N, C-alpha and C. Protein backbone atom coordinates (compact mmCIF):
# COMPACT_ATOMS: atom_id res chain seq x y z
N UNK A 1 98.66 47.04 179.36
CA UNK A 1 97.66 47.12 178.31
C UNK A 1 96.34 46.59 178.88
N UNK A 2 95.30 47.37 178.82
CA UNK A 2 94.01 46.88 179.31
C UNK A 2 93.51 45.72 178.44
N UNK A 3 92.84 44.78 179.08
CA UNK A 3 92.32 43.63 178.34
C UNK A 3 91.03 43.13 178.98
N UNK A 4 90.31 42.34 178.21
CA UNK A 4 89.10 41.68 178.69
C UNK A 4 89.24 40.19 178.40
N UNK A 5 88.69 39.39 179.28
CA UNK A 5 88.66 37.95 179.05
C UNK A 5 87.30 37.60 178.47
N UNK A 6 87.30 36.98 177.31
CA UNK A 6 86.08 36.52 176.67
C UNK A 6 86.19 35.01 176.54
N UNK A 7 85.30 34.30 177.18
CA UNK A 7 85.35 32.84 177.17
C UNK A 7 84.78 32.33 175.85
N UNK A 8 85.58 31.58 175.10
CA UNK A 8 85.07 31.05 173.83
C UNK A 8 84.07 29.93 174.08
N UNK A 9 83.17 29.75 173.13
CA UNK A 9 82.14 28.72 173.24
C UNK A 9 82.34 27.64 172.19
N UNK A 10 83.47 26.94 172.25
CA UNK A 10 83.74 25.92 171.23
C UNK A 10 83.77 24.53 171.86
N UNK A 11 83.62 23.53 171.03
CA UNK A 11 83.76 22.13 171.44
C UNK A 11 85.23 21.78 171.35
N UNK A 12 85.82 21.37 172.46
CA UNK A 12 87.25 21.05 172.50
C UNK A 12 87.53 19.56 172.39
N UNK A 13 86.58 18.80 171.88
CA UNK A 13 86.77 17.36 171.72
C UNK A 13 87.73 17.08 170.58
N UNK A 14 88.76 16.25 170.83
CA UNK A 14 89.66 15.88 169.72
C UNK A 14 88.90 15.13 168.63
N UNK A 15 89.29 15.39 167.38
CA UNK A 15 88.69 14.68 166.26
C UNK A 15 89.40 13.34 166.07
N UNK A 16 88.71 12.34 165.51
CA UNK A 16 89.34 11.03 165.31
C UNK A 16 90.64 11.16 164.53
N UNK A 17 91.67 10.48 165.01
CA UNK A 17 93.00 10.41 164.37
C UNK A 17 93.71 11.76 164.29
N UNK A 18 93.26 12.75 165.07
CA UNK A 18 93.90 14.07 165.06
C UNK A 18 95.15 14.02 165.92
N UNK A 19 96.28 14.45 165.37
CA UNK A 19 97.53 14.46 166.14
C UNK A 19 97.44 15.52 167.23
N UNK A 20 98.22 15.36 168.30
CA UNK A 20 98.20 16.36 169.37
C UNK A 20 98.56 17.76 168.88
N UNK A 21 99.52 17.87 167.95
CA UNK A 21 99.92 19.17 167.44
C UNK A 21 98.80 19.83 166.65
N UNK A 22 98.17 19.06 165.78
CA UNK A 22 97.05 19.59 164.98
C UNK A 22 95.89 19.95 165.89
N UNK A 23 95.62 19.11 166.88
CA UNK A 23 94.53 19.37 167.83
C UNK A 23 94.75 20.70 168.55
N UNK A 24 95.93 20.89 169.16
CA UNK A 24 96.20 22.11 169.91
C UNK A 24 96.09 23.34 169.02
N UNK A 25 96.63 23.25 167.81
CA UNK A 25 96.57 24.38 166.87
C UNK A 25 95.13 24.68 166.47
N UNK A 26 94.36 23.64 166.18
CA UNK A 26 92.97 23.83 165.78
C UNK A 26 92.16 24.48 166.90
N UNK A 27 92.33 24.00 168.12
CA UNK A 27 91.55 24.53 169.23
C UNK A 27 91.92 25.99 169.51
N UNK A 28 93.22 26.31 169.47
CA UNK A 28 93.63 27.72 169.67
C UNK A 28 93.02 28.60 168.59
N UNK A 29 93.03 28.13 167.34
CA UNK A 29 92.46 28.90 166.23
C UNK A 29 90.95 29.06 166.40
N UNK A 30 90.25 27.97 166.71
CA UNK A 30 88.79 28.04 166.86
C UNK A 30 88.39 28.95 168.01
N UNK A 31 89.16 28.95 169.09
CA UNK A 31 88.88 29.87 170.20
C UNK A 31 88.98 31.32 169.72
N UNK A 32 90.08 31.63 169.02
CA UNK A 32 90.28 33.00 168.55
C UNK A 32 89.20 33.41 167.57
N UNK A 33 88.85 32.54 166.65
CA UNK A 33 87.83 32.88 165.64
C UNK A 33 86.45 33.02 166.28
N UNK A 34 86.16 32.20 167.29
CA UNK A 34 84.88 32.32 167.98
C UNK A 34 84.76 33.67 168.67
N UNK A 35 85.81 34.07 169.37
CA UNK A 35 85.79 35.37 170.05
C UNK A 35 85.76 36.50 169.03
N UNK A 36 86.51 36.33 167.96
CA UNK A 36 86.56 37.35 166.91
C UNK A 36 85.18 37.61 166.30
N UNK A 37 84.36 36.59 166.24
CA UNK A 37 83.01 36.74 165.69
C UNK A 37 82.09 37.50 166.64
N UNK A 38 82.51 37.64 167.91
CA UNK A 38 81.65 38.29 168.90
C UNK A 38 82.13 39.65 169.36
N UNK A 39 83.34 40.04 168.99
CA UNK A 39 83.85 41.36 169.36
C UNK A 39 84.36 42.06 168.11
N UNK A 40 84.61 43.34 168.21
CA UNK A 40 85.13 44.05 167.03
C UNK A 40 86.24 45.00 167.45
N UNK A 41 87.13 45.25 166.49
CA UNK A 41 88.22 46.19 166.71
C UNK A 41 89.23 45.76 167.75
N UNK A 42 89.40 44.46 167.92
CA UNK A 42 90.24 43.96 169.01
C UNK A 42 91.47 43.21 168.49
N UNK A 43 92.42 43.08 169.37
CA UNK A 43 93.54 42.19 169.18
C UNK A 43 93.24 41.00 170.08
N UNK A 44 93.07 39.83 169.49
CA UNK A 44 92.62 38.64 170.23
C UNK A 44 93.77 37.65 170.32
N UNK A 45 94.02 37.19 171.54
CA UNK A 45 95.05 36.18 171.79
C UNK A 45 94.38 34.97 172.42
N UNK A 46 94.57 33.81 171.81
CA UNK A 46 94.05 32.58 172.40
C UNK A 46 95.17 31.56 172.42
N UNK A 47 95.01 30.56 173.27
CA UNK A 47 96.01 29.50 173.39
C UNK A 47 95.34 28.21 173.80
N UNK A 48 96.04 27.12 173.54
CA UNK A 48 95.61 25.82 174.02
C UNK A 48 96.85 24.99 174.31
N UNK A 49 96.82 24.27 175.40
CA UNK A 49 97.94 23.41 175.80
C UNK A 49 97.45 21.99 175.93
N UNK A 50 98.23 21.06 175.39
CA UNK A 50 97.92 19.64 175.55
C UNK A 50 99.15 18.91 176.06
N UNK A 51 98.90 17.94 176.89
CA UNK A 51 99.94 17.04 177.38
C UNK A 51 99.74 15.72 176.67
N UNK A 52 100.83 15.17 176.12
CA UNK A 52 100.71 13.92 175.37
C UNK A 52 101.70 12.89 175.91
N UNK A 53 101.24 11.68 176.01
CA UNK A 53 102.07 10.56 176.43
C UNK A 53 101.81 9.43 175.45
N UNK A 54 102.86 8.98 174.79
CA UNK A 54 102.72 7.93 173.78
C UNK A 54 101.67 8.31 172.74
N UNK A 55 101.67 9.57 172.35
CA UNK A 55 100.76 10.15 171.35
C UNK A 55 99.29 10.19 171.81
N UNK A 56 99.04 9.94 173.09
CA UNK A 56 97.69 10.06 173.67
C UNK A 56 97.56 11.45 174.28
N UNK A 57 96.49 12.14 173.97
CA UNK A 57 96.23 13.45 174.55
C UNK A 57 95.66 13.26 175.95
N UNK A 58 96.35 13.83 176.93
CA UNK A 58 95.85 13.84 178.30
C UNK A 58 95.22 15.21 178.53
N UNK A 59 93.92 15.27 178.46
CA UNK A 59 93.22 16.53 178.61
C UNK A 59 93.04 16.92 180.05
N UNK A 60 92.03 17.73 180.30
CA UNK A 60 91.73 18.13 181.67
C UNK A 60 91.07 16.95 182.38
N UNK A 61 91.44 16.69 183.62
CA UNK A 61 90.83 15.57 184.33
C UNK A 61 89.35 15.82 184.59
N UNK A 62 88.57 14.76 184.58
CA UNK A 62 87.14 14.89 184.84
C UNK A 62 86.83 14.91 186.33
N UNK A 63 87.72 14.34 187.14
CA UNK A 63 87.55 14.34 188.58
C UNK A 63 88.89 14.04 189.25
N UNK A 64 88.90 13.99 190.55
CA UNK A 64 90.11 13.77 191.34
C UNK A 64 90.79 12.45 190.96
N UNK A 65 90.01 11.39 190.84
CA UNK A 65 90.57 10.09 190.49
C UNK A 65 91.22 10.10 189.11
N UNK A 66 90.62 10.82 188.19
CA UNK A 66 91.19 10.93 186.84
C UNK A 66 92.52 11.69 186.90
N UNK A 67 92.59 12.73 187.72
CA UNK A 67 93.84 13.49 187.88
C UNK A 67 94.93 12.59 188.44
N UNK A 68 94.60 11.80 189.43
CA UNK A 68 95.57 10.87 190.02
C UNK A 68 96.02 9.85 188.98
N UNK A 69 95.09 9.33 188.20
CA UNK A 69 95.41 8.37 187.15
C UNK A 69 96.40 8.96 186.14
N UNK A 70 96.13 10.20 185.72
CA UNK A 70 97.02 10.84 184.75
C UNK A 70 98.43 11.01 185.32
N UNK A 71 98.52 11.50 186.54
CA UNK A 71 99.83 11.73 187.14
C UNK A 71 100.57 10.42 187.39
N UNK A 72 99.85 9.37 187.70
CA UNK A 72 100.49 8.05 187.83
C UNK A 72 101.05 7.59 186.49
N UNK A 73 100.33 7.86 185.40
CA UNK A 73 100.83 7.51 184.07
C UNK A 73 102.09 8.29 183.72
N UNK A 74 102.16 9.55 184.14
CA UNK A 74 103.29 10.41 183.84
C UNK A 74 104.51 10.13 184.72
N UNK A 75 104.29 9.50 185.86
CA UNK A 75 105.36 9.24 186.82
C UNK A 75 106.51 8.46 186.19
N UNK A 76 107.72 9.02 186.31
CA UNK A 76 108.92 8.37 185.80
C UNK A 76 109.04 8.32 184.29
N UNK A 77 108.21 9.07 183.60
CA UNK A 77 108.13 9.00 182.13
C UNK A 77 108.41 10.34 181.49
N UNK A 78 108.82 10.27 180.22
CA UNK A 78 108.93 11.46 179.38
C UNK A 78 107.62 11.65 178.64
N UNK A 79 107.23 12.90 178.47
CA UNK A 79 106.04 13.21 177.69
C UNK A 79 106.26 14.57 177.03
N UNK A 80 105.37 14.92 176.13
CA UNK A 80 105.49 16.18 175.40
C UNK A 80 104.31 17.08 175.74
N UNK A 81 104.62 18.35 175.95
CA UNK A 81 103.60 19.38 176.19
C UNK A 81 103.63 20.33 175.00
N UNK A 82 102.49 20.48 174.33
CA UNK A 82 102.36 21.40 173.20
C UNK A 82 101.49 22.57 173.62
N UNK A 83 101.96 23.78 173.31
CA UNK A 83 101.14 24.97 173.49
C UNK A 83 101.05 25.68 172.15
N UNK A 84 99.82 25.85 171.70
CA UNK A 84 99.55 26.56 170.45
C UNK A 84 98.93 27.91 170.79
N UNK A 85 99.27 28.92 170.00
CA UNK A 85 98.68 30.25 170.17
C UNK A 85 98.14 30.73 168.83
N UNK A 86 97.14 31.59 168.92
CA UNK A 86 96.59 32.23 167.73
C UNK A 86 96.30 33.68 168.10
N UNK A 87 96.74 34.59 167.24
CA UNK A 87 96.50 36.01 167.44
C UNK A 87 95.72 36.52 166.23
N UNK A 88 94.59 37.14 166.50
CA UNK A 88 93.79 37.77 165.45
C UNK A 88 93.86 39.27 165.67
N UNK A 89 94.40 39.97 164.69
CA UNK A 89 94.51 41.43 164.71
C UNK A 89 93.36 41.95 163.85
N UNK A 90 92.23 42.22 164.46
CA UNK A 90 91.07 42.67 163.69
C UNK A 90 91.32 43.98 162.96
N UNK A 91 91.88 45.00 163.62
CA UNK A 91 92.11 46.25 162.89
C UNK A 91 93.06 46.07 161.71
N UNK A 92 94.06 45.23 161.85
CA UNK A 92 95.04 45.02 160.79
C UNK A 92 94.64 43.94 159.80
N UNK A 93 93.56 43.20 160.12
CA UNK A 93 93.09 42.15 159.22
C UNK A 93 94.06 40.98 159.08
N UNK A 94 94.78 40.67 160.16
CA UNK A 94 95.76 39.58 160.09
C UNK A 94 95.51 38.54 161.17
N UNK A 95 96.01 37.33 160.89
CA UNK A 95 95.97 36.25 161.87
C UNK A 95 97.31 35.55 161.84
N UNK A 96 97.87 35.28 163.01
CA UNK A 96 99.14 34.56 163.12
C UNK A 96 98.95 33.40 164.09
N UNK A 97 99.62 32.29 163.80
CA UNK A 97 99.52 31.10 164.64
C UNK A 97 100.91 30.52 164.88
N UNK A 98 101.08 29.83 165.98
CA UNK A 98 102.34 29.15 166.26
C UNK A 98 102.12 28.06 167.29
N UNK A 99 103.07 27.16 167.36
CA UNK A 99 103.02 26.08 168.34
C UNK A 99 104.42 25.78 168.80
N UNK A 100 104.52 25.41 170.07
CA UNK A 100 105.81 25.00 170.62
C UNK A 100 105.58 23.74 171.44
N UNK A 101 106.50 22.81 171.31
CA UNK A 101 106.44 21.58 172.08
C UNK A 101 107.66 21.47 172.97
N UNK A 102 107.46 20.93 174.15
CA UNK A 102 108.54 20.75 175.10
C UNK A 102 108.51 19.33 175.64
N UNK A 103 109.65 18.68 175.64
CA UNK A 103 109.78 17.34 176.21
C UNK A 103 110.03 17.48 177.70
N UNK A 104 109.22 16.80 178.50
CA UNK A 104 109.28 16.91 179.95
C UNK A 104 109.42 15.50 180.53
N UNK A 105 110.22 15.37 181.59
CA UNK A 105 110.32 14.08 182.29
C UNK A 105 109.91 14.28 183.74
N UNK A 106 108.93 13.51 184.18
CA UNK A 106 108.58 13.49 185.60
C UNK A 106 109.54 12.54 186.30
N UNK A 107 109.92 12.90 187.49
CA UNK A 107 110.65 11.93 188.30
C UNK A 107 109.64 10.88 188.76
N UNK A 108 110.15 9.77 189.26
CA UNK A 108 109.24 8.72 189.74
C UNK A 108 108.52 9.25 190.98
N UNK A 109 107.21 9.16 190.97
CA UNK A 109 106.37 9.67 192.06
C UNK A 109 105.71 8.52 192.79
N UNK A 110 105.56 8.66 194.07
CA UNK A 110 104.80 7.68 194.84
C UNK A 110 103.37 8.20 194.96
N UNK A 111 102.45 7.27 195.13
CA UNK A 111 101.03 7.64 195.17
C UNK A 111 100.74 8.72 196.21
N UNK A 112 101.38 8.66 197.35
CA UNK A 112 101.16 9.64 198.41
C UNK A 112 101.51 11.06 197.93
N UNK A 113 102.60 11.20 197.16
CA UNK A 113 102.97 12.50 196.61
C UNK A 113 101.92 13.00 195.63
N UNK A 114 101.44 12.10 194.79
CA UNK A 114 100.45 12.46 193.78
C UNK A 114 99.16 12.93 194.45
N UNK A 115 98.70 12.17 195.43
CA UNK A 115 97.46 12.53 196.13
C UNK A 115 97.64 13.88 196.83
N UNK A 116 98.78 14.09 197.48
CA UNK A 116 99.03 15.37 198.16
C UNK A 116 99.05 16.52 197.16
N UNK A 117 99.65 16.29 195.99
CA UNK A 117 99.69 17.33 194.96
C UNK A 117 98.29 17.67 194.47
N UNK A 118 97.49 16.65 194.18
CA UNK A 118 96.12 16.86 193.68
C UNK A 118 95.28 17.61 194.71
N UNK A 119 95.51 17.33 195.99
CA UNK A 119 94.76 18.01 197.04
C UNK A 119 95.25 19.45 197.26
N UNK A 120 96.51 19.71 196.92
CA UNK A 120 97.10 21.03 197.15
C UNK A 120 96.82 22.01 196.01
N UNK A 121 96.87 21.53 194.77
CA UNK A 121 96.78 22.39 193.60
C UNK A 121 95.42 22.26 192.92
N UNK A 122 95.03 23.31 192.20
CA UNK A 122 93.83 23.24 191.36
C UNK A 122 94.22 22.60 190.04
N UNK A 123 94.00 21.30 189.92
CA UNK A 123 94.42 20.56 188.72
C UNK A 123 93.27 20.29 187.76
N UNK A 124 92.07 20.62 188.15
CA UNK A 124 90.91 20.23 187.35
C UNK A 124 90.81 20.97 186.01
N UNK A 125 91.45 22.12 185.90
CA UNK A 125 91.40 22.85 184.62
C UNK A 125 92.76 22.83 183.92
N UNK A 126 93.58 21.82 184.24
CA UNK A 126 94.93 21.73 183.67
C UNK A 126 95.07 20.46 182.84
N UNK A 127 95.52 20.62 181.61
CA UNK A 127 95.82 19.46 180.77
C UNK A 127 96.86 18.60 181.47
N UNK A 128 96.62 17.30 181.52
CA UNK A 128 97.55 16.39 182.17
C UNK A 128 97.54 16.48 183.68
N UNK A 129 96.65 17.29 184.23
CA UNK A 129 96.47 17.45 185.68
C UNK A 129 97.64 18.14 186.38
N UNK A 130 98.40 18.97 185.64
CA UNK A 130 99.46 19.74 186.29
C UNK A 130 99.76 21.00 185.49
N UNK A 131 100.46 21.93 186.14
CA UNK A 131 100.91 23.15 185.48
C UNK A 131 102.28 23.52 186.02
N UNK A 132 103.15 23.93 185.13
CA UNK A 132 104.53 24.26 185.51
C UNK A 132 104.60 25.42 186.49
N UNK A 133 103.63 26.33 186.44
CA UNK A 133 103.71 27.51 187.29
C UNK A 133 103.32 27.22 188.73
N UNK A 134 102.86 26.04 189.02
CA UNK A 134 102.49 25.69 190.38
C UNK A 134 103.53 24.81 191.06
N UNK A 135 103.11 24.11 192.08
CA UNK A 135 103.98 23.23 192.84
C UNK A 135 104.52 22.08 191.99
N UNK A 136 103.89 21.80 190.86
CA UNK A 136 104.32 20.69 190.00
C UNK A 136 105.75 20.86 189.51
N UNK A 137 106.27 22.08 189.54
CA UNK A 137 107.65 22.28 189.06
C UNK A 137 108.64 21.43 189.85
N UNK A 138 108.26 20.96 191.04
CA UNK A 138 109.14 20.08 191.81
C UNK A 138 109.06 18.63 191.35
N UNK A 139 108.12 18.32 190.48
CA UNK A 139 107.89 16.94 190.05
C UNK A 139 108.62 16.56 188.77
N UNK A 140 109.11 17.54 188.02
CA UNK A 140 109.65 17.22 186.70
C UNK A 140 110.80 18.12 186.31
N UNK A 141 111.40 17.77 185.18
CA UNK A 141 112.41 18.63 184.57
C UNK A 141 112.07 18.78 183.10
N UNK A 142 112.34 19.96 182.56
CA UNK A 142 112.16 20.20 181.14
C UNK A 142 113.41 19.70 180.44
N UNK A 143 113.24 18.81 179.47
CA UNK A 143 114.38 18.23 178.77
C UNK A 143 114.83 19.07 177.61
N UNK A 144 113.88 19.43 176.72
CA UNK A 144 114.25 20.27 175.57
C UNK A 144 112.98 20.64 174.81
N UNK A 145 113.12 21.70 174.04
CA UNK A 145 112.05 22.06 173.12
C UNK A 145 112.11 21.10 171.95
N UNK A 146 110.96 20.66 171.48
CA UNK A 146 110.95 19.69 170.40
C UNK A 146 110.36 20.24 169.10
N UNK A 147 109.62 21.28 169.17
CA UNK A 147 109.02 21.84 167.96
C UNK A 147 108.74 23.31 168.18
N UNK A 148 108.93 24.10 167.18
CA UNK A 148 108.57 25.52 167.26
C UNK A 148 108.24 25.97 165.83
N UNK A 149 107.06 26.56 165.67
CA UNK A 149 106.69 27.09 164.35
C UNK A 149 106.14 28.48 164.50
């Protein structure tokens, strides 16, 4: 299916006291609605992923040191990854949303592994400074799905 990428122009700052699940859902929705306001006759798919540890949202790292800090926090710990999606069917006049959470445990990592990972992978645009589709899959195990709507 042919597609176009349209970058949404929204503020992705979490709101005060916003839960990670509500945050991810809101951002996915706002991305879809922003793009929907700029295109017509389209089927729009947007998503947002957040990594949470102790109910703290670990967003995209601001620099290399921040990425290392995040991965050190995740080392040897369980955390939850939420991915929210929003689909806007402009021709059909419908919108659907959903979210899924997965409990993930990182094995204990040594600083040298973390630094090597950060230097090897593009982590700057990844929530929590990692992505399952990259080399990070060697760092953790998926424990179970925790939420699906």
